[in-house]
Amino acid sequence: MIPTNLRVLLATNPVDMRRSFDGLARLVVETLGEDPRAAQSLFIFVNHKRDRLKVLWRDTTGWCLLYKRLDENIVALPTHIPDGAVAVGVDGAALARLLDGVKPTKIDSDREISRKSRNIALSIVGTAPTNTTPCDAKSSTRTKS
């Protein structure tokens, strides 16, 4: 079903994966400046987290859409994307690599960084006081008469 002699374009900006045939075809026209009905053209879109991709093309009988969700891997984008490029051409081998994905490197999320920073700070200062309220702090500073 996927033609062998095709032109493959990968959109470089993340795309909302809720888009379907018409929404993606509109993106091809508006963002990539291409004709989505062009024979032997295949358009690849990736989401922000790079764990899902959609491939849109049109064959002789109608629109085709391949949607892939990677379980553990992420989509390996080309390393050399020119500045300002909205799409890059890829070959068949690169398409296969995109569909297979790669193991992601460990990148800490903001929440993980915040938790690690708090744990480091607590290990330096000591353990966090338990059951401390503003009233307890005020009562400890009063002098008894």
C-alpha atoms as a PDB file:
ATOM      1  CA  MET A   1       0.000   0.000   0.000  1.00  0.00           C
ATOM      2  CA  ILE A   2       2.893   2.398   0.676  1.00  0.00           C
ATOM      3  CA  PRO A   3       4.557   3.171  -2.658  1.00  0.00           C
ATOM      4  CA  THR A   4       8.244   2.390  -3.048  1.00  0.00           C
ATOM      5  CA  ASN A   5       9.263   5.352  -5.225  1.00  0.00           C
ATOM      6  CA  LEU A   6       8.053   8.153  -3.032  1.00  0.00           C
ATOM      7  CA  ARG A   7       9.071  11.565  -1.772  1.00  0.00           C
ATOM      8  CA  VAL A   8       9.019  11.714   2.030  1.00  0.00           C
ATOM      9  CA  LEU A   9       8.763  15.017   3.928  1.00  0.00           C
ATOM     10  CA  LEU A  10       9.068  15.232   7.719  1.00  0.00           C
ATOM     11  CA  ALA A  11       7.454  18.259   9.385  1.00  0.00           C
ATOM     12  CA  THR A  12       9.961  19.742  11.838  1.00  0.00           C
ATOM     13  CA  ASN A  13       7.426  21.351  14.199  1.00  0.00           C
ATOM     14  CA  PRO A  14       5.317  19.254  16.600  1.00  0.00           C
ATOM     15  CA  VAL A  15       1.711  18.628  15.581  1.00  0.00           C
ATOM     16  CA  ASP A  16      -1.463  18.008  17.562  1.00  0.00           C
ATOM     17  CA  MET A  17      -2.166  14.313  17.045  1.00  0.00           C
ATOM     18  CA  ARG A  18      -5.934  14.844  17.252  1.00  0.00           C
ATOM     19  CA  ARG A  19      -5.810  16.006  13.634  1.00  0.00           C
ATOM     20  CA  SER A  20      -7.041  13.541  11.076  1.00  0.00           C
ATOM     21  CA  PHE A  21      -6.998  13.360   7.276  1.00  0.00           C
ATOM     22  CA  ASP A  22      -8.366  16.829   6.504  1.00  0.00           C
ATOM     23  CA  GLY A  23      -6.512  18.613   9.315  1.00  0.00           C
ATOM     24  CA  LEU A  24      -3.184  17.120   8.328  1.00  0.00           C
ATOM     25  CA  ALA A  25      -3.820  17.797   4.628  1.00  0.00           C
ATOM     26  CA  ARG A  26      -4.518  21.434   5.561  1.00  0.00           C
ATOM     27  CA  LEU A  27      -1.213  21.545   7.474  1.00  0.00           C
ATOM     28  CA  VAL A  28       0.599  20.240   4.407  1.00  0.00           C
ATOM     29  CA  VAL A  29      -0.782  23.126   2.360  1.00  0.00           C
ATOM     30  CA  GLU A  30      -0.552  25.925   4.957  1.00  0.00           C
ATOM     31  CA  THR A  31       2.647  25.017   6.796  1.00  0.00           C
ATOM     32  CA  LEU A  32       4.711  22.958   4.384  1.00  0.00           C
ATOM     33  CA  GLY A  33       3.542  24.725   1.225  1.00  0.00           C
ATOM     34  CA  GLU A  34       3.071  21.418  -0.582  1.00  0.00           C
ATOM     35  CA  ASP A  35       0.217  19.775  -2.440  1.00  0.00           C
ATOM     36  CA  PRO A  36      -1.044  16.883  -0.277  1.00  0.00           C
ATOM     37  CA  ARG A  37      -2.592  15.258  -3.357  1.00  0.00           C
ATOM     38  CA  ALA A  38       0.787  15.074  -5.103  1.00  0.00           C
ATOM     39  CA  ALA A  39       1.471  11.614  -6.390  1.00  0.00           C
ATOM     40  CA  GLN A  40       4.146   9.647  -4.594  1.00  0.00           C
ATOM     41  CA  SER A  41       4.425  12.109  -1.666  1.00  0.00           C
ATOM     42  CA  LEU A  42       4.341  11.044   1.957  1.00  0.00           C
ATOM     43  CA  PHE A  43       4.112  13.526   4.867  1.00  0.00           C
ATOM     44  CA  ILE A  44       5.252  12.689   8.405  1.00  0.00           C
ATOM     45  CA  PHE A  45       4.085  14.529  11.531  1.00  0.00           C
ATOM     46  CA  VAL A  46       5.366  14.025  15.087  1.00  0.00           C
ATOM     47  CA  ASN A  47       3.850  15.119  18.404  1.00  0.00           C
ATOM     48  CA  HIS A  48       5.614  17.256  21.010  1.00  0.00           C
ATOM     49  CA  LYS A  49       6.721  14.312  23.187  1.00  0.00           C
ATOM     50  CA  ARG A  50       7.931  12.493  20.052  1.00  0.00           C
ATOM     51  CA  ASP A  51       6.267   9.249  21.094  1.00  0.00           C
ATOM     52  CA  ARG A  52       3.619   9.365  18.342  1.00  0.00           C
ATOM     53  CA  LEU A  53       3.711   9.996  14.647  1.00  0.00           C
ATOM     54  CA  LYS A  54       1.290  10.157  11.774  1.00  0.00           C
ATOM     55  CA  VAL A  55       2.099   9.566   8.124  1.00  0.00           C
ATOM     56  CA  LEU A  56      -0.292  10.958   5.512  1.00  0.00           C
ATOM     57  CA  TRP A  57      -0.347  10.116   1.817  1.00  0.00           C
ATOM     58  CA  ARG A  58      -2.808   9.738  -1.003  1.00  0.00           C
ATOM     59  CA  ASP A  59      -2.888   6.745  -3.279  1.00  0.00           C
ATOM     60  CA  THR A  60      -5.063   6.098  -6.328  1.00  0.00           C
ATOM     61  CA  THR A  61      -8.098   5.104  -4.236  1.00  0.00           C
ATOM     62  CA  GLY A  62      -8.032   7.741  -1.472  1.00  0.00           C
ATOM     63  CA  TRP A  63      -6.301   9.090   1.625  1.00  0.00           C
ATOM     64  CA  CYS A  64      -4.116   6.859   3.795  1.00  0.00           C
ATOM     65  CA  LEU A  65      -3.074   7.549   7.359  1.00  0.00           C
ATOM     66  CA  LEU A  66      -0.580   5.591   9.415  1.00  0.00           C
ATOM     67  CA  TYR A  67      -0.643   6.366  13.136  1.00  0.00           C
ATOM     68  CA  LYS A  68       2.043   4.911  15.363  1.00  0.00           C
ATOM     69  CA  ARG A  69       2.434   5.167  19.128  1.00  0.00           C
ATOM     70  CA  LEU A  70       5.844   4.099  20.352  1.00  0.00           C
ATOM     71  CA  ASP A  71       5.782   2.250  23.681  1.00  0.00           C
ATOM     72  CA  GLU A  72       9.273   2.919  24.995  1.00  0.00           C
ATOM     73  CA  ASN A  73      11.132   4.629  22.160  1.00  0.00           C
ATOM     74  CA  ILE A  74      10.879   8.142  20.788  1.00  0.00           C
ATOM     75  CA  VAL A  75      11.018   9.372  17.211  1.00  0.00           C
ATOM     76  CA  ALA A  76      14.615  10.120  16.240  1.00  0.00           C
ATOM     77  CA  LEU A  77      14.490  13.392  14.334  1.00  0.00           C
ATOM     78  CA  PRO A  78      17.297  14.120  11.862  1.00  0.00           C
ATOM     79  CA  THR A  79      20.268  15.795  13.526  1.00  0.00           C
ATOM     80  CA  HIS A  80      20.839  18.336  10.764  1.00  0.00           C
ATOM     81  CA  ILE A  81      17.697  20.411  10.348  1.00  0.00           C
ATOM     82  CA  PRO A  82      18.403  23.791   8.749  1.00  0.00           C
ATOM     83  CA  ASP A  83      17.303  26.825  10.756  1.00  0.00           C
ATOM     84  CA  GLY A  84      13.787  27.900   9.848  1.00  0.00           C
ATOM     85  CA  ALA A  85      13.039  24.730   7.901  1.00  0.00           C
ATOM     86  CA  VAL A  86       9.400  23.626   8.223  1.00  0.00           C
ATOM     87  CA  ALA A  87      10.103  20.233   6.642  1.00  0.00           C
ATOM     88  CA  VAL A  88      13.034  18.071   5.675  1.00  0.00           C
ATOM     89  CA  GLY A  89      13.228  15.348   3.084  1.00  0.00           C
ATOM     90  CA  VAL A  90      14.087  11.864   4.297  1.00  0.00           C
ATOM     91  CA  ASP A  91      14.864   8.660   2.464  1.00  0.00           C
ATOM     92  CA  GLY A  92      13.413   5.183   2.941  1.00  0.00           C
ATOM     93  CA  ALA A  93      16.025   4.142   5.507  1.00  0.00           C
ATOM     94  CA  ALA A  94      15.363   7.281   7.550  1.00  0.00           C
ATOM     95  CA  LEU A  95      11.628   6.588   7.360  1.00  0.00           C
ATOM     96  CA  ALA A  96      12.228   3.105   8.785  1.00  0.00           C
ATOM     97  CA  ARG A  97      14.307   4.605  11.614  1.00  0.00           C
ATOM     98  CA  LEU A  98      11.550   7.131  12.346  1.00  0.00           C
ATOM     99  CA  LEU A  99       8.973   4.356  12.583  1.00  0.00           C
ATOM    100  CA  ASP A 100      11.216   2.233  14.837  1.00  0.00           C
ATOM    101  CA  GLY A 101      12.262   5.070  17.128  1.00  0.00           C
ATOM    102  CA  VAL A 102      15.192   5.074  19.521  1.00  0.00           C
ATOM    103  CA  LYS A 103      15.594   4.614  23.249  1.00  0.00           C
ATOM    104  CA  PRO A 104      15.316   8.048  24.878  1.00  0.00           C
ATOM    105  CA  THR A 105      18.130   9.370  27.001  1.00  0.00           C
ATOM    106  CA  LYS A 106      17.231  10.189  30.585  1.00  0.00           C
ATOM    107  CA  ILE A 107      16.126  13.798  30.703  1.00  0.00           C
ATOM    108  CA  ASP A 108      14.757  15.012  34.028  1.00  0.00           C
ATOM    109  CA  SER A 109      11.385  16.689  33.935  1.00  0.00           C
ATOM    110  CA  ASP A 110      10.754  19.915  35.865  1.00  0.00           C
ATOM    111  CA  ARG A 111       8.973  17.934  38.579  1.00  0.00           C
ATOM    112  CA  GLU A 112      11.938  15.532  38.960  1.00  0.00           C
ATOM    113  CA  ILE A 113      14.404  18.429  39.105  1.00  0.00           C
ATOM    114  CA  SER A 114      12.273  20.176  41.736  1.00  0.00           C
ATOM    115  CA  ARG A 115      12.031  17.006  43.834  1.00  0.00           C
ATOM    116  CA  LYS A 116      15.781  16.346  43.568  1.00  0.00           C
ATOM    117  CA  SER A 117      16.583  19.965  44.466  1.00  0.00           C
ATOM    118  CA  ARG A 118      14.319  19.787  47.534  1.00  0.00           C
ATOM    119  CA  ASN A 119      15.894  16.508  48.660  1.00  0.00           C
ATOM    120  CA  ILE A 120      19.398  17.949  48.282  1.00  0.00           C
ATOM    121  CA  ALA A 121      18.407  21.066  50.223  1.00  0.00           C
ATOM    122  CA  LEU A 122      16.853  18.965  52.995  1.00  0.00           C
ATOM    123  CA  SER A 123      19.952  16.775  53.223  1.00  0.00           C
ATOM    124  CA  ILE A 124      22.093  19.910  53.702  1.00  0.00           C
ATOM    125  CA  VAL A 125      19.792  21.647  56.194  1.00  0.00           C
ATOM    126  CA  GLY A 126      18.552  18.541  57.933  1.00  0.00           C
ATOM    127  CA  THR A 127      15.149  16.966  57.930  1.00  0.00           C
ATOM    128  CA  ALA A 128      12.091  19.105  57.441  1.00  0.00           C
ATOM    129  CA  PRO A 129      10.224  19.972  60.637  1.00  0.00           C
ATOM    130  CA  THR A 130       6.951  18.130  61.002  1.00  0.00           C
ATOM    131  CA  ASN A 131       3.663  19.667  62.106  1.00  0.00           C
ATOM    132  CA  THR A 132       4.949  23.237  61.900  1.00  0.00           C
ATOM    133  CA  THR A 133       2.230  25.838  61.597  1.00  0.00           C
ATOM    134  CA  PRO A 134       2.374  29.633  61.776  1.00  0.00           C
ATOM    135  CA  CYS A 135       0.769  29.481  65.245  1.00  0.00           C
ATOM    136  CA  ASP A 136       3.528  27.178  66.534  1.00  0.00           C
ATOM    137  CA  ALA A 137       6.172  29.565  65.262  1.00  0.00           C
ATOM    138  CA  LYS A 138       4.555  32.530  67.059  1.00  0.00           C
ATOM    139  CA  SER A 139       4.130  30.672  70.342  1.00  0.00           C
ATOM    140  CA  SER A 140       7.778  29.670  70.400  1.00  0.00           C
ATOM    141  CA  THR A 141       8.922  33.288  70.184  1.00  0.00           C
ATOM    142  CA  ARG A 142       6.748  34.588  73.031  1.00  0.00           C
ATOM    143  CA  THR A 143       8.202  35.077  76.460  1.00  0.00           C
ATOM    144  CA  LYS A 144       6.248  33.867  79.459  1.00  0.00           C
ATOM    145  CA  SER A 145       5.478  36.397  82.178  1.00  0.00           C
END
